[in-house]
Amino acid sequence: MNIQIYSGKKNFDAQKAERYFKERRIPFQNLDLKKHRLGEREIRLMISAIGTDALIDWEDKKVREHPACYYDRAELLIPAIQENPWLLKLPIVRNGNKMTIGYRPDEWDKWQQEG
């Protein structure tokens, strides 16, 4: 497994995800979106694996007020996410082409069983 955790600095679910992988001695890479700029390919992969509706943090008032949330085409949404990674619901946990949002130990257990 090649795990990457995309997170913001003070995200409780990201801390729980890190603890999950540490307890199972599964190596992971933590990518703080305040320091790590997402590439177009990464965002396209997120959109295809998760979908735009699940990817955007609709619960955040600041996010709902941003016009990018209402774009219906990836070509418009990708540059907006690159400039404003806070639009994303975090953490995003990636294992190759598979991704989850939030704390999802049930899904990560399946990844382990698959090898």
Protein backbone atom coordinates (compact mmCIF):
# COMPACT_ATOMS: atom_id res chain seq x y z
CA MET A 1 0.00 0.00 0.00
CA ASN A 2 1.18 3.48 -0.87
CA ILE A 3 -0.86 5.78 1.37
CA GLN A 4 -1.03 9.55 1.05
CA ILE A 5 -3.09 11.70 3.41
CA TYR A 6 -4.06 15.12 2.07
CA SER A 7 -4.99 17.30 5.00
CA GLY A 8 -5.18 20.73 6.52
CA LYS A 9 -3.14 21.50 9.58
CA LYS A 10 -5.82 21.29 12.29
CA ASN A 11 -8.10 18.54 11.05
CA PHE A 12 -9.31 16.04 13.68
CA ASP A 13 -10.22 13.36 11.13
CA ALA A 14 -6.75 13.65 9.58
CA GLN A 15 -5.19 13.04 12.99
CA LYS A 16 -7.38 9.96 13.47
CA ALA A 17 -6.40 8.71 9.99
CA GLU A 18 -2.70 9.14 10.78
CA ARG A 19 -3.17 7.26 14.05
CA TYR A 20 -5.01 4.44 12.21
CA PHE A 21 -2.06 3.88 9.85
CA LYS A 22 0.59 4.35 12.55
CA GLU A 23 -1.06 1.76 14.82
CA ARG A 24 -0.99 -0.77 11.97
CA ARG A 25 2.58 0.16 11.02
CA ILE A 26 1.47 1.12 7.52
CA PRO A 27 3.78 3.79 6.07
CA PHE A 28 2.06 6.91 4.79
CA GLN A 29 2.91 10.33 3.46
CA ASN A 30 1.15 13.36 4.92
CA LEU A 31 0.59 16.19 2.45
CA ASP A 32 -0.39 19.45 4.13
CA LEU A 33 -2.37 21.40 1.55
CA LYS A 34 -1.13 24.66 3.02
CA LYS A 35 2.37 23.70 1.84
CA HIS A 36 1.71 21.18 -0.95
CA ARG A 37 0.19 22.57 -4.15
CA LEU A 38 -2.11 20.10 -5.86
CA GLY A 39 -1.44 19.36 -9.50
CA GLU A 40 -4.07 19.12 -12.21
CA ARG A 41 -3.58 15.34 -12.50
CA GLU A 42 -4.09 14.87 -8.74
CA ILE A 43 -7.31 16.88 -8.78
CA ARG A 44 -8.63 15.05 -11.85
CA LEU A 45 -7.95 11.75 -10.09
CA MET A 46 -9.82 13.01 -7.00
CA ILE A 47 -12.78 14.08 -9.12
CA SER A 48 -12.94 10.73 -10.91
CA ALA A 49 -12.51 8.68 -7.70
CA ILE A 50 -14.76 10.71 -5.41
CA GLY A 51 -16.88 13.04 -7.53
CA THR A 52 -17.14 16.82 -7.35
CA ASP A 53 -20.10 16.91 -4.96
CA ALA A 54 -18.33 14.79 -2.33
CA LEU A 55 -15.02 16.57 -2.87
CA ILE A 56 -16.29 20.05 -1.94
CA ASP A 57 -16.80 20.87 1.77
CA TRP A 58 -20.43 22.03 1.58
CA GLU A 59 -20.71 22.34 5.37
CA ASP A 60 -18.28 25.28 5.47
CA LYS A 61 -20.04 28.63 5.03
CA LYS A 62 -16.94 30.21 3.49
CA VAL A 63 -16.84 27.43 0.90
CA ARG A 64 -20.54 27.76 0.03
CA GLU A 65 -20.00 31.47 -0.64
CA HIS A 66 -17.19 30.79 -3.14
CA PRO A 67 -18.40 30.77 -6.77
CA ALA A 68 -16.16 27.81 -7.66
CA CYS A 69 -18.44 25.48 -5.72
CA TYR A 70 -21.10 25.93 -8.35
CA TYR A 71 -18.94 25.20 -11.39
CA ASP A 72 -20.21 22.19 -13.30
CA ARG A 73 -17.10 21.57 -15.41
CA ALA A 74 -13.79 20.19 -14.18
CA GLU A 75 -11.90 22.64 -16.41
CA LEU A 76 -13.25 25.49 -14.27
CA LEU A 77 -13.11 23.72 -10.92
CA ILE A 78 -9.51 22.47 -11.13
CA PRO A 79 -7.81 25.90 -11.19
CA ALA A 80 -10.13 27.07 -8.39
CA ILE A 81 -9.10 24.12 -6.20
CA GLN A 82 -5.43 24.69 -7.02
CA GLU A 83 -5.69 28.28 -5.83
CA ASN A 84 -8.06 27.52 -2.90
CA PRO A 85 -7.41 24.02 -1.50
CA TRP A 86 -9.60 24.94 1.51
CA LEU A 87 -12.59 24.23 -0.77
CA LEU A 88 -11.92 20.50 -0.33
CA LYS A 89 -13.44 18.28 2.32
CA LEU A 90 -10.53 16.76 4.21
CA PRO A 91 -8.75 14.49 4.85
CA ILE A 92 -8.51 12.76 1.52
CA VAL A 93 -6.75 9.41 1.89
CA ARG A 94 -5.26 7.99 -1.28
CA ASN A 95 -4.07 4.48 -2.07
CA GLY A 96 -3.08 4.48 -5.74
CA ASN A 97 -6.26 5.27 -7.69
CA LYS A 98 -8.53 4.60 -4.70
CA MET A 99 -9.53 7.47 -2.43
CA THR A 100 -11.70 8.18 0.57
CA ILE A 101 -12.77 11.36 2.31
CA GLY A 102 -12.83 11.63 6.08
CA TYR A 103 -12.17 8.90 8.61
CA ARG A 104 -13.05 5.61 6.86
CA PRO A 105 -11.32 2.69 8.64
CA ASP A 106 -13.78 0.17 7.14
CA GLU A 107 -12.63 1.10 3.64
CA TRP A 108 -8.95 1.10 4.63
CA ASP A 109 -9.35 -2.40 6.11
CA LYS A 110 -10.55 -3.55 2.67
CA TRP A 111 -7.44 -2.02 1.10
CA GLN A 112 -5.27 -4.06 3.49
CA GLN A 113 -7.11 -7.28 2.68
CA GLU A 114 -6.68 -6.68 -1.06
CA GLY A 115 -2.95 -6.50 -0.46
